[in-house]
C-alpha atoms as a PDB file:
ATOM      1  CA  MET A   1     -63.796 246.457  22.053  1.00  0.00           C
ATOM      2  CA  ALA A   2     -61.944 243.181  21.707  1.00  0.00           C
ATOM      3  CA  ASN A   3     -63.258 240.078  23.398  1.00  0.00           C
ATOM      4  CA  VAL A   4     -61.663 239.267  26.781  1.00  0.00           C
ATOM      5  CA  LEU A   5     -60.789 235.661  27.740  1.00  0.00           C
ATOM      6  CA  ARG A   6     -60.805 235.102  31.482  1.00  0.00           C
ATOM      7  CA  ILE A   7     -59.590 232.090  33.438  1.00  0.00           C
ATOM      8  CA  LYS A   8     -59.803 231.017  37.082  1.00  0.00           C
ATOM      9  CA  ARG A   9     -57.310 232.666  39.414  1.00  0.00           C
ATOM     10  CA  ARG A  10     -56.300 232.809  43.073  1.00  0.00           C
ATOM     11  CA  THR A  11     -54.922 236.118  44.323  1.00  0.00           C
ATOM     12  CA  SER A  12     -54.100 235.147  47.918  1.00  0.00           C
ATOM     13  CA  GLY A  13     -53.979 232.231  50.265  1.00  0.00           C
ATOM     14  CA  LEU A  14     -52.179 228.963  49.561  1.00  0.00           C
ATOM     15  CA  ALA A  15     -49.671 228.299  46.806  1.00  0.00           C
ATOM     16  CA  GLY A  16     -50.071 225.305  44.509  1.00  0.00           C
ATOM     17  CA  ALA A  17     -52.616 223.803  42.140  1.00  0.00           C
ATOM     18  CA  PRO A  18     -56.375 224.083  42.659  1.00  0.00           C
ATOM     19  CA  SER A  19     -58.137 221.046  44.055  1.00  0.00           C
ATOM     20  CA  ALA A  20     -60.130 220.402  40.840  1.00  0.00           C
ATOM     21  CA  LEU A  21     -60.348 221.585  37.223  1.00  0.00           C
ATOM     22  CA  ALA A  22     -62.327 220.582  34.178  1.00  0.00           C
ATOM     23  CA  THR A  23     -60.492 218.948  31.315  1.00  0.00           C
ATOM     24  CA  GLY A  24     -58.473 221.635  29.499  1.00  0.00           C
ATOM     25  CA  GLU A  25     -59.491 224.310  32.048  1.00  0.00           C
ATOM     26  CA  LEU A  26     -56.851 226.877  33.060  1.00  0.00           C
ATOM     27  CA  ALA A  27     -56.258 228.425  36.467  1.00  0.00           C
ATOM     28  CA  HIS A  28     -53.648 230.942  37.583  1.00  0.00           C
ATOM     29  CA  ASN A  29     -52.341 231.087  41.168  1.00  0.00           C
ATOM     30  CA  ALA A  30     -50.919 234.555  41.818  1.00  0.00           C
ATOM     31  CA  VAL A  31     -49.412 233.358  45.106  1.00  0.00           C
ATOM     32  CA  ASP A  32     -46.783 231.161  43.421  1.00  0.00           C
ATOM     33  CA  ASP A  33     -47.176 232.797  39.966  1.00  0.00           C
ATOM     34  CA  THR A  34     -47.970 229.511  38.227  1.00  0.00           C
ATOM     35  CA  LEU A  35     -50.479 228.647  35.503  1.00  0.00           C
ATOM     36  CA  TYR A  36     -52.165 225.244  35.871  1.00  0.00           C
ATOM     37  CA  ILE A  37     -54.232 223.182  33.404  1.00  0.00           C
ATOM     38  CA  GLY A  38     -56.579 220.273  33.871  1.00  0.00           C
ATOM     39  CA  LYS A  39     -55.287 217.142  32.151  1.00  0.00           C
ATOM     40  CA  GLY A  40     -57.077 213.915  31.339  1.00  0.00           C
ATOM     41  CA  ASP A  41     -60.794 213.192  31.485  1.00  0.00           C
ATOM     42  CA  ASP A  42     -62.628 211.039  34.005  1.00  0.00           C
ATOM     43  CA  GLY A  43     -65.499 210.563  31.552  1.00  0.00           C
ATOM     44  CA  GLY A  44     -67.546 213.366  33.047  1.00  0.00           C
ATOM     45  CA  GLY A  45     -65.485 216.286  31.806  1.00  0.00           C
ATOM     46  CA  ASN A  46     -63.325 216.556  34.927  1.00  0.00           C
ATOM     47  CA  ALA A  47     -59.536 216.419  34.712  1.00  0.00           C
ATOM     48  CA  THR A  48     -57.814 213.374  36.212  1.00  0.00           C
ATOM     49  CA  SER A  49     -54.690 215.428  37.060  1.00  0.00           C
ATOM     50  CA  ILE A  50     -53.638 219.071  37.301  1.00  0.00           C
ATOM     51  CA  VAL A  51     -50.192 220.048  36.025  1.00  0.00           C
ATOM     52  CA  PRO A  52     -48.260 223.352  35.954  1.00  0.00           C
ATOM     53  CA  LEU A  53     -48.249 224.855  32.506  1.00  0.00           C
ATOM     54  CA  GLY A  54     -46.194 228.043  32.888  1.00  0.00           C
ATOM     55  CA  GLY A  55     -45.090 230.825  35.187  1.00  0.00           C
ATOM     56  CA  THR A  56     -42.022 231.542  37.247  1.00  0.00           C
ATOM     57  CA  GLY A  57     -43.386 229.373  40.053  1.00  0.00           C
ATOM     58  CA  ALA A  58     -43.048 226.243  37.934  1.00  0.00           C
ATOM     59  CA  PHE A  59     -40.374 227.063  35.353  1.00  0.00           C
ATOM     60  CA  THR A  60     -36.974 228.688  35.335  1.00  0.00           C
ATOM     61  CA  ASP A  61     -37.070 232.471  34.968  1.00  0.00           C
ATOM     62  CA  ARG A  62     -34.287 233.508  32.609  1.00  0.00           C
ATOM     63  CA  SER A  63     -34.500 237.226  33.372  1.00  0.00           C
ATOM     64  CA  THR A  64     -34.231 237.421  37.157  1.00  0.00           C
ATOM     65  CA  ALA A  65     -32.473 235.666  40.027  1.00  0.00           C
ATOM     66  CA  GLN A  66     -34.290 232.544  41.080  1.00  0.00           C
ATOM     67  CA  THR A  67     -33.720 229.633  43.513  1.00  0.00           C
ATOM     68  CA  VAL A  68     -34.114 226.305  41.721  1.00  0.00           C
ATOM     69  CA  GLY A  69     -34.844 223.354  43.997  1.00  0.00           C
ATOM     70  CA  GLY A  70     -34.571 219.607  43.497  1.00  0.00           C
ATOM     71  CA  LYS A  71     -32.143 217.498  41.492  1.00  0.00           C
ATOM     72  CA  LYS A  72     -31.917 218.562  37.819  1.00  0.00           C
ATOM     73  CA  THR A  73     -30.747 216.382  34.925  1.00  0.00           C
ATOM     74  CA  PHE A  74     -29.631 218.211  31.767  1.00  0.00           C
ATOM     75  CA  SER A  75     -30.003 216.665  28.334  1.00  0.00           C
ATOM     76  CA  THR A  76     -27.071 218.804  27.105  1.00  0.00           C
ATOM     77  CA  VAL A  77     -24.033 220.211  28.901  1.00  0.00           C
ATOM     78  CA  PRO A  78     -24.962 223.616  30.396  1.00  0.00           C
ATOM     79  CA  SER A  79     -22.679 226.582  29.828  1.00  0.00           C
ATOM     80  CA  SER A  80     -21.915 229.709  31.771  1.00  0.00           C
ATOM     81  CA  SER A  81     -20.550 233.105  30.795  1.00  0.00           C
ATOM     82  CA  GLN A  82     -19.976 234.204  34.364  1.00  0.00           C
ATOM     83  CA  ASP A  83     -16.611 234.412  36.077  1.00  0.00           C
ATOM     84  CA  ALA A  84     -17.794 232.067  38.838  1.00  0.00           C
ATOM     85  CA  SER A  85     -16.917 234.620  41.484  1.00  0.00           C
ATOM     86  CA  ALA A  86     -19.862 233.780  43.744  1.00  0.00           C
ATOM     87  CA  SER A  87     -20.166 230.461  45.615  1.00  0.00           C
ATOM     88  CA  THR A  88     -23.507 229.696  43.939  1.00  0.00           C
ATOM     89  CA  ASP A  89     -22.429 230.495  40.339  1.00  0.00           C
ATOM     90  CA  LEU A  90     -22.529 227.712  37.739  1.00  0.00           C
ATOM     91  CA  VAL A  91     -18.955 226.751  36.858  1.00  0.00           C
ATOM     92  CA  ARG A  92     -17.956 225.204  33.545  1.00  0.00           C
ATOM     93  CA  LYS A  93     -15.370 222.445  33.380  1.00  0.00           C
ATOM     94  CA  SER A  94     -13.049 224.709  31.436  1.00  0.00           C
ATOM     95  CA  GLN A  95     -13.215 227.246  34.221  1.00  0.00           C
ATOM     96  CA  MET A  96     -12.483 224.557  36.818  1.00  0.00           C
ATOM     97  CA  ASP A  97      -9.560 223.195  34.806  1.00  0.00           C
ATOM     98  CA  ALA A  98      -8.109 226.694  34.485  1.00  0.00           C
ATOM     99  CA  ALA A  99      -8.499 227.322  38.202  1.00  0.00           C
ATOM    100  CA  ILE A 100      -6.662 224.161  39.291  1.00  0.00           C
ATOM    101  CA  SER A 101      -4.078 224.043  36.505  1.00  0.00           C
ATOM    102  CA  GLY A 102      -1.650 226.089  38.578  1.00  0.00           C
ATOM    103  CA  LEU A 103      -1.949 223.836  41.610  1.00  0.00           C
ATOM    104  CA  ALA A 104       0.615 221.132  42.274  1.00  0.00           C
ATOM    105  CA  SER A 105      -0.573 217.559  42.108  1.00  0.00           C
ATOM    106  CA  GLY A 106      -0.740 215.533  45.301  1.00  0.00           C
ATOM    107  CA  ASP A 107      -2.098 212.372  46.857  1.00  0.00           C
ATOM    108  CA  MET A 108      -3.704 213.725  50.033  1.00  0.00           C
ATOM    109  CA  LEU A 109      -6.653 211.370  49.934  1.00  0.00           C
ATOM    110  CA  LYS A 110      -8.903 211.571  52.972  1.00  0.00           C
ATOM    111  CA  SER A 111      -9.318 207.810  52.964  1.00  0.00           C
ATOM    112  CA  VAL A 112      -5.525 207.454  53.388  1.00  0.00           C
ATOM    113  CA  TYR A 113      -4.531 210.333  55.670  1.00  0.00           C
ATOM    114  CA  ASP A 114      -7.679 210.636  57.816  1.00  0.00           C
ATOM    115  CA  THR A 115      -8.879 207.069  58.227  1.00  0.00           C
ATOM    116  CA  ASN A 116     -10.736 207.781  61.491  1.00  0.00           C
ATOM    117  CA  ASN A 117     -12.511 210.837  60.023  1.00  0.00           C
ATOM    118  CA  ASN A 118     -11.481 213.175  62.854  1.00  0.00           C
ATOM    119  CA  GLY A 119     -10.270 215.984  60.603  1.00  0.00           C
ATOM    120  CA  LYS A 120      -6.598 215.400  61.471  1.00  0.00           C
ATOM    121  CA  VAL A 121      -3.859 213.889  59.317  1.00  0.00           C
ATOM    122  CA  ASP A 122      -3.018 210.402  60.577  1.00  0.00           C
ATOM    123  CA  SER A 123       0.509 210.213  59.152  1.00  0.00           C
ATOM    124  CA  ALA A 124       2.861 211.700  56.571  1.00  0.00           C
ATOM    125  CA  GLU A 125       5.390 210.102  54.266  1.00  0.00           C
ATOM    126  CA  SER A 126       9.020 210.363  55.259  1.00  0.00           C
ATOM    127  CA  ALA A 127       9.750 212.236  52.059  1.00  0.00           C
ATOM    128  CA  ASP A 128       7.321 214.924  53.220  1.00  0.00           C
ATOM    129  CA  ALA A 129       9.100 215.424  56.551  1.00  0.00           C
ATOM    130  CA  VAL A 130       9.027 218.976  57.872  1.00  0.00           C
ATOM    131  CA  ALA A 131      12.105 220.560  59.407  1.00  0.00           C
ATOM    132  CA  TRP A 132      11.912 220.765  63.218  1.00  0.00           C
ATOM    133  CA  THR A 133      12.448 224.499  63.073  1.00  0.00           C
ATOM    134  CA  GLY A 134       9.426 224.838  60.818  1.00  0.00           C
ATOM    135  CA  ILE A 135       7.013 223.363  63.358  1.00  0.00           C
ATOM    136  CA  THR A 136       5.145 225.887  65.506  1.00  0.00           C
ATOM    137  CA  GLY A 137       3.475 225.287  68.845  1.00  0.00           C
ATOM    138  CA  LYS A 138       5.781 222.372  69.717  1.00  0.00           C
ATOM    139  CA  PRO A 139       6.566 221.626  73.405  1.00  0.00           C
ATOM    140  CA  THR A 140       9.807 222.921  74.854  1.00  0.00           C
ATOM    141  CA  THR A 141      10.456 219.892  77.095  1.00  0.00           C
ATOM    142  CA  PHE A 142       9.734 216.197  76.820  1.00  0.00           C
ATOM    143  CA  ALA A 143       9.169 213.442  79.354  1.00  0.00           C
ATOM    144  CA  PRO A 144      12.127 211.062  79.763  1.00  0.00           C
ATOM    145  CA  THR A 145      11.924 207.678  78.049  1.00  0.00           C
ATOM    146  CA  ALA A 146      12.488 205.937  81.422  1.00  0.00           C
ATOM    147  CA  HIS A 147      11.603 206.949  84.998  1.00  0.00           C
ATOM    148  CA  THR A 148      13.906 206.219  87.946  1.00  0.00           C
ATOM    149  CA  HIS A 149      11.964 208.043  90.650  1.00  0.00           C
ATOM    150  CA  ALA A 150      11.694 206.602  94.153  1.00  0.00           C
ATOM    151  CA  THR A 151       8.111 205.922  95.261  1.00  0.00           C
ATOM    152  CA  SER A 152       8.474 208.624  97.921  1.00  0.00           C
ATOM    153  CA  GLU A 153       8.978 211.199  95.161  1.00  0.00           C
ATOM    154  CA  VAL A 154       5.524 210.501  93.713  1.00  0.00           C
ATOM    155  CA  THR A 155       2.886 212.356  95.684  1.00  0.00           C
ATOM    156  CA  GLY A 156       0.588 209.995  97.580  1.00  0.00           C
ATOM    157  CA  LEU A 157       2.055 206.815  96.097  1.00  0.00           C
ATOM    158  CA  ASP A 158       3.532 205.402  99.331  1.00  0.00           C
ATOM    159  CA  THR A 159       0.276 206.109 101.184  1.00  0.00           C
ATOM    160  CA  ALA A 160      -1.736 204.355  98.496  1.00  0.00           C
ATOM    161  CA  LEU A 161       0.612 201.349  98.475  1.00  0.00           C
ATOM    162  CA  ALA A 162       0.533 201.100 102.283  1.00  0.00           C
ATOM    163  CA  ALA A 163      -3.239 200.624 102.103  1.00  0.00           C
ATOM    164  CA  LYS A 164      -2.826 197.557  99.888  1.00  0.00           C
ATOM    165  CA  ALA A 165      -2.417 194.020 101.255  1.00  0.00           C
ATOM    166  CA  PRO A 166       0.720 192.099 100.231  1.00  0.00           C
ATOM    167  CA  LEU A 167       0.398 188.935  98.175  1.00  0.00           C
ATOM    168  CA  ALA A 168       2.409 186.929 100.726  1.00  0.00           C
ATOM    169  CA  SER A 169       0.695 186.413 104.111  1.00  0.00           C
ATOM    170  CA  PRO A 170      -1.655 189.414 103.929  1.00  0.00           C
ATOM    171  CA  ALA A 171      -3.070 190.643 107.265  1.00  0.00           C
ATOM    172  CA  LEU A 172      -6.563 191.648 106.206  1.00  0.00           C
ATOM    173  CA  THR A 173      -8.766 193.871 108.346  1.00  0.00           C
ATOM    174  CA  GLY A 174     -12.415 194.766 108.344  1.00  0.00           C
ATOM    175  CA  LEU A 175     -14.815 192.353 106.687  1.00  0.00           C
ATOM    176  CA  PRO A 176     -13.027 190.908 103.648  1.00  0.00           C
ATOM    177  CA  THR A 177     -15.079 188.705 101.349  1.00  0.00           C
ATOM    178  CA  ALA A 178     -14.212 185.910  98.961  1.00  0.00           C
ATOM    179  CA  PRO A 179     -16.137 183.730  96.513  1.00  0.00           C
ATOM    180  CA  THR A 180     -17.805 180.669  98.066  1.00  0.00           C
ATOM    181  CA  GLN A 181     -16.279 177.486  96.674  1.00  0.00           C
ATOM    182  CA  THR A 182     -18.255 174.474  95.462  1.00  0.00           C
ATOM    183  CA  ALA A 183     -19.423 172.130  98.236  1.00  0.00           C
ATOM    184  CA  GLY A 184     -16.918 169.326  98.787  1.00  0.00           C
ATOM    185  CA  ASP A 185     -13.958 171.302  97.407  1.00  0.00           C
ATOM    186  CA  SER A 186     -10.841 170.132  99.292  1.00  0.00           C
ATOM    187  CA  THR A 187      -8.216 172.268  97.548  1.00  0.00           C
ATOM    188  CA  THR A 188      -6.173 175.158  98.987  1.00  0.00           C
ATOM    189  CA  LYS A 189      -8.815 177.730  98.039  1.00  0.00           C
ATOM    190  CA  ILE A 190     -10.100 180.119 100.724  1.00  0.00           C
ATOM    191  CA  ALA A 191     -13.116 178.719 102.608  1.00  0.00           C
ATOM    192  CA  THR A 192     -15.699 181.378 103.443  1.00  0.00           C
ATOM    193  CA  THR A 193     -18.049 181.253 106.425  1.00  0.00           C
ATOM    194  CA  GLN A 194     -20.791 180.278 104.009  1.00  0.00           C
ATOM    195  CA  PHE A 195     -18.722 177.352 102.708  1.00  0.00           C
ATOM    196  CA  VAL A 196     -18.030 176.168 106.295  1.00  0.00           C
ATOM    197  CA  ALA A 197     -21.696 176.526 107.286  1.00  0.00           C
ATOM    198  CA  GLN A 198     -22.729 174.450 104.271  1.00  0.00           C
ATOM    199  CA  ALA A 199     -20.154 171.763 105.123  1.00  0.00           C
ATOM    200  CA  ILE A 200     -21.354 171.552 108.761  1.00  0.00           C
ATOM    201  CA  ALA A 201     -24.993 171.437 107.651  1.00  0.00           C
ATOM    202  CA  ALA A 202     -24.153 168.568 105.290  1.00  0.00           C
ATOM    203  CA  LEU A 203     -22.340 166.752 108.108  1.00  0.00           C
ATOM    204  CA  ILE A 204     -25.225 167.128 110.576  1.00  0.00           C
ATOM    205  CA  ASP A 205     -27.773 166.427 107.855  1.00  0.00           C
ATOM    206  CA  ALA A 206     -31.105 165.618 109.597  1.00  0.00           C
ATOM    207  CA  ALA A 207     -29.695 164.710 113.029  1.00  0.00           C
ATOM    208  CA  PRO A 208     -32.008 165.616 115.964  1.00  0.00           C
ATOM    209  CA  GLY A 209     -31.120 168.577 118.128  1.00  0.00           C
ATOM    210  CA  THR A 210     -29.811 166.309 120.923  1.00  0.00           C
ATOM    211  CA  LEU A 211     -27.309 164.618 118.561  1.00  0.00           C
ATOM    212  CA  ASP A 212     -26.186 167.445 116.265  1.00  0.00           C
ATOM    213  CA  SER A 213     -22.848 168.058 117.995  1.00  0.00           C
ATOM    214  CA  LEU A 214     -19.817 165.871 118.717  1.00  0.00           C
ATOM    215  CA  ASN A 215     -20.189 166.390 122.486  1.00  0.00           C
ATOM    216  CA  GLU A 216     -23.803 165.160 122.410  1.00  0.00           C
ATOM    217  CA  ILE A 217     -22.820 162.124 120.342  1.00  0.00           C
ATOM    218  CA  ALA A 218     -19.947 161.330 122.729  1.00  0.00           C
ATOM    219  CA  ALA A 219     -22.305 161.586 125.718  1.00  0.00           C
ATOM    220  CA  ALA A 220     -24.740 159.233 123.992  1.00  0.00           C
ATOM    221  CA  LEU A 221     -21.878 156.719 123.628  1.00  0.00           C
ATOM    222  CA  GLY A 222     -21.042 156.995 127.315  1.00  0.00           C
ATOM    223  CA  ASP A 223     -17.859 158.948 126.539  1.00  0.00           C
ATOM    224  CA  ASP A 224     -16.323 155.535 125.747  1.00  0.00           C
ATOM    225  CA  PRO A 225     -13.466 155.877 123.190  1.00  0.00           C
ATOM    226  CA  ASN A 226     -13.659 152.042 122.719  1.00  0.00           C
ATOM    227  CA  PHE A 227     -17.426 151.927 122.367  1.00  0.00           C
ATOM    228  CA  ALA A 228     -17.371 149.403 119.494  1.00  0.00           C
ATOM    229  CA  THR A 229     -15.151 146.980 121.449  1.00  0.00           C
ATOM    230  CA  THR A 230     -17.290 147.375 124.560  1.00  0.00           C
ATOM    231  CA  ILE A 231     -20.477 146.617 122.653  1.00  0.00           C
ATOM    232  CA  SER A 232     -18.919 143.628 120.902  1.00  0.00           C
ATOM    233  CA  THR A 233     -17.718 142.196 124.231  1.00  0.00           C
ATOM    234  CA  SER A 234     -21.127 142.730 125.793  1.00  0.00           C
ATOM    235  CA  ILE A 235     -22.930 141.032 122.902  1.00  0.00           C
ATOM    236  CA  ALA A 236     -20.564 138.048 123.147  1.00  0.00           C
ATOM    237  CA  THR A 237     -21.881 137.333 126.710  1.00  0.00           C
ATOM    238  CA  LYS A 238     -25.460 136.982 125.551  1.00  0.00           C
ATOM    239  CA  LEU A 239     -27.322 133.761 124.680  1.00  0.00           C
ATOM    240  CA  THR A 240     -27.744 132.891 121.056  1.00  0.00           C
ATOM    241  CA  LYS A 241     -31.369 133.111 120.002  1.00  0.00           C
ATOM    242  CA  THR A 242     -31.252 130.079 117.709  1.00  0.00           C
ATOM    243  CA  SER A 243     -29.631 127.866 120.426  1.00  0.00           C
ATOM    244  CA  ASN A 244     -32.924 127.785 122.401  1.00  0.00           C
ATOM    245  CA  LEU A 245     -31.174 127.933 125.815  1.00  0.00           C
ATOM    246  CA  SER A 246     -28.810 125.070 124.903  1.00  0.00           C
ATOM    247  CA  ASP A 247     -25.857 127.407 125.421  1.00  0.00           C
ATOM    248  CA  LEU A 248     -26.574 128.035 129.125  1.00  0.00           C
ATOM    249  CA  GLN A 249     -23.426 127.752 131.206  1.00  0.00           C
ATOM    250  CA  SER A 250     -25.344 125.952 134.031  1.00  0.00           C
ATOM    251  CA  ALA A 251     -28.811 124.572 133.307  1.00  0.00           C
ATOM    252  CA  SER A 252     -29.286 123.423 136.927  1.00  0.00           C
ATOM    253  CA  THR A 253     -28.482 126.872 138.262  1.00  0.00           C
ATOM    254  CA  ALA A 254     -30.935 128.351 135.794  1.00  0.00           C
ATOM    255  CA  ARG A 255     -33.690 125.913 136.926  1.00  0.00           C
ATOM    256  CA  THR A 256     -32.999 126.729 140.529  1.00  0.00           C
ATOM    257  CA  ASN A 257     -33.182 130.443 139.765  1.00  0.00           C
ATOM    258  CA  LEU A 258     -36.540 129.832 138.042  1.00  0.00           C
ATOM    259  CA  GLY A 259     -37.841 127.725 141.019  1.00  0.00           C
ATOM    260  CA  LEU A 260     -38.389 124.640 138.889  1.00  0.00           C
ATOM    261  CA  GLY A 261     -36.415 122.124 140.973  1.00  0.00           C
ATOM    262  CA  SER A 262     -36.142 118.547 139.684  1.00  0.00           C
ATOM    263  CA  MET A 263     -39.654 118.557 138.266  1.00  0.00           C
ATOM    264  CA  ALA A 264     -38.445 120.355 135.162  1.00  0.00           C
ATOM    265  CA  THR A 265     -36.186 117.424 134.258  1.00  0.00           C
ATOM    266  CA  GLN A 266     -38.821 114.616 134.640  1.00  0.00           C
ATOM    267  CA  SER A 267     -40.573 112.953 131.735  1.00  0.00           C
ATOM    268  CA  ALA A 268     -44.006 114.322 131.013  1.00  0.00           C
ATOM    269  CA  GLY A 269     -45.446 110.773 131.284  1.00  0.00           C
ATOM    270  CA  ALA A 270     -43.859 109.941 134.667  1.00  0.00           C
ATOM    271  CA  VAL A 271     -43.877 112.914 137.003  1.00  0.00           C
ATOM    272  CA  ALA A 272     -43.175 112.091 140.658  1.00  0.00           C
ATOM    273  CA  ILE A 273     -44.635 114.492 143.186  1.00  0.00           C
ATOM    274  CA  THR A 274     -43.331 114.092 146.664  1.00  0.00           C
ATOM    275  CA  GLY A 275     -44.869 116.072 149.486  1.00  0.00           C
ATOM    276  CA  GLY A 276     -46.848 119.225 149.224  1.00  0.00           C
ATOM    277  CA  THR A 277     -50.451 119.861 148.475  1.00  0.00           C
ATOM    278  CA  ILE A 278     -52.219 119.999 145.117  1.00  0.00           C
ATOM    279  CA  ASN A 279     -55.478 121.926 145.036  1.00  0.00           C
ATOM    280  CA  GLY A 280     -58.094 122.349 142.310  1.00  0.00           C
ATOM    281  CA  ILE A 281     -57.096 119.351 140.223  1.00  0.00           C
ATOM    282  CA  ALA A 282     -59.773 117.677 138.060  1.00  0.00           C
ATOM    283  CA  PHE A 283     -59.182 114.016 137.175  1.00  0.00           C
ATOM    284  CA  ASP A 284     -60.782 112.767 133.999  1.00  0.00           C
ATOM    285  CA  GLY A 285     -59.581 109.174 134.015  1.00  0.00           C
ATOM    286  CA  GLY A 286     -56.392 107.200 133.954  1.00  0.00           C
ATOM    287  CA  THR A 287     -54.108 106.069 136.684  1.00  0.00           C
ATOM    288  CA  TYR A 288     -52.458 108.446 139.138  1.00  0.00           C
END
């Protein structure tokens, strides 16, 4: 009986290469029908990589139908003897040239006629115009180029317009709002309640509660419309501080009012006392 050479194999389970092989060791995976070999040597007899060596799982099967995946680069131009009747058949250039030789040439480039990529032709050349009678599905009537309808003929239009305020002297209702203008703005812009409140607050500033209205200020001024004149006139009747009583209208009347009599006009070194009684006087010398 002849000698039998056996190699590692996997009959079921996962497809693909084994996890490890010795250098030059073979293994067959029946799941993907591929023969693998250990390649390289790590110095201990173990392969550094495992590569497919043969089998329909790793190489093209020339005898049966097979799905080939991935991008393939051919060193020579492939040929085909089929009629290219199926969508997946390999087609030779000669077959393609023969198939399109009877077609008319054209310039229907997608980049030109479908610029927005919506699957519809954007435009056609005037030379390619189609007769009106040759167009199907066209509308039977068209909207007029100009409309002369009265507003009453448009459903709901008059009602909608009546709800709008006119530009000239609008009579607004409800609670209309407007943007608040910058403080101090004195133009013809609309002043909101917020703008007015800010202006009044700026006018009052930090005035006390008893003087934060015009009526309170007027009462404080005695309701006198000529308050400044009145005050000026009143101040003019007062003595000047720096005159030291020299601007009295009647010095004698003033002395009399103060009860000083003639004594106030005598020299300090020669005071004449006539009549009366002096009590509690201490004399410390001199002539009296």
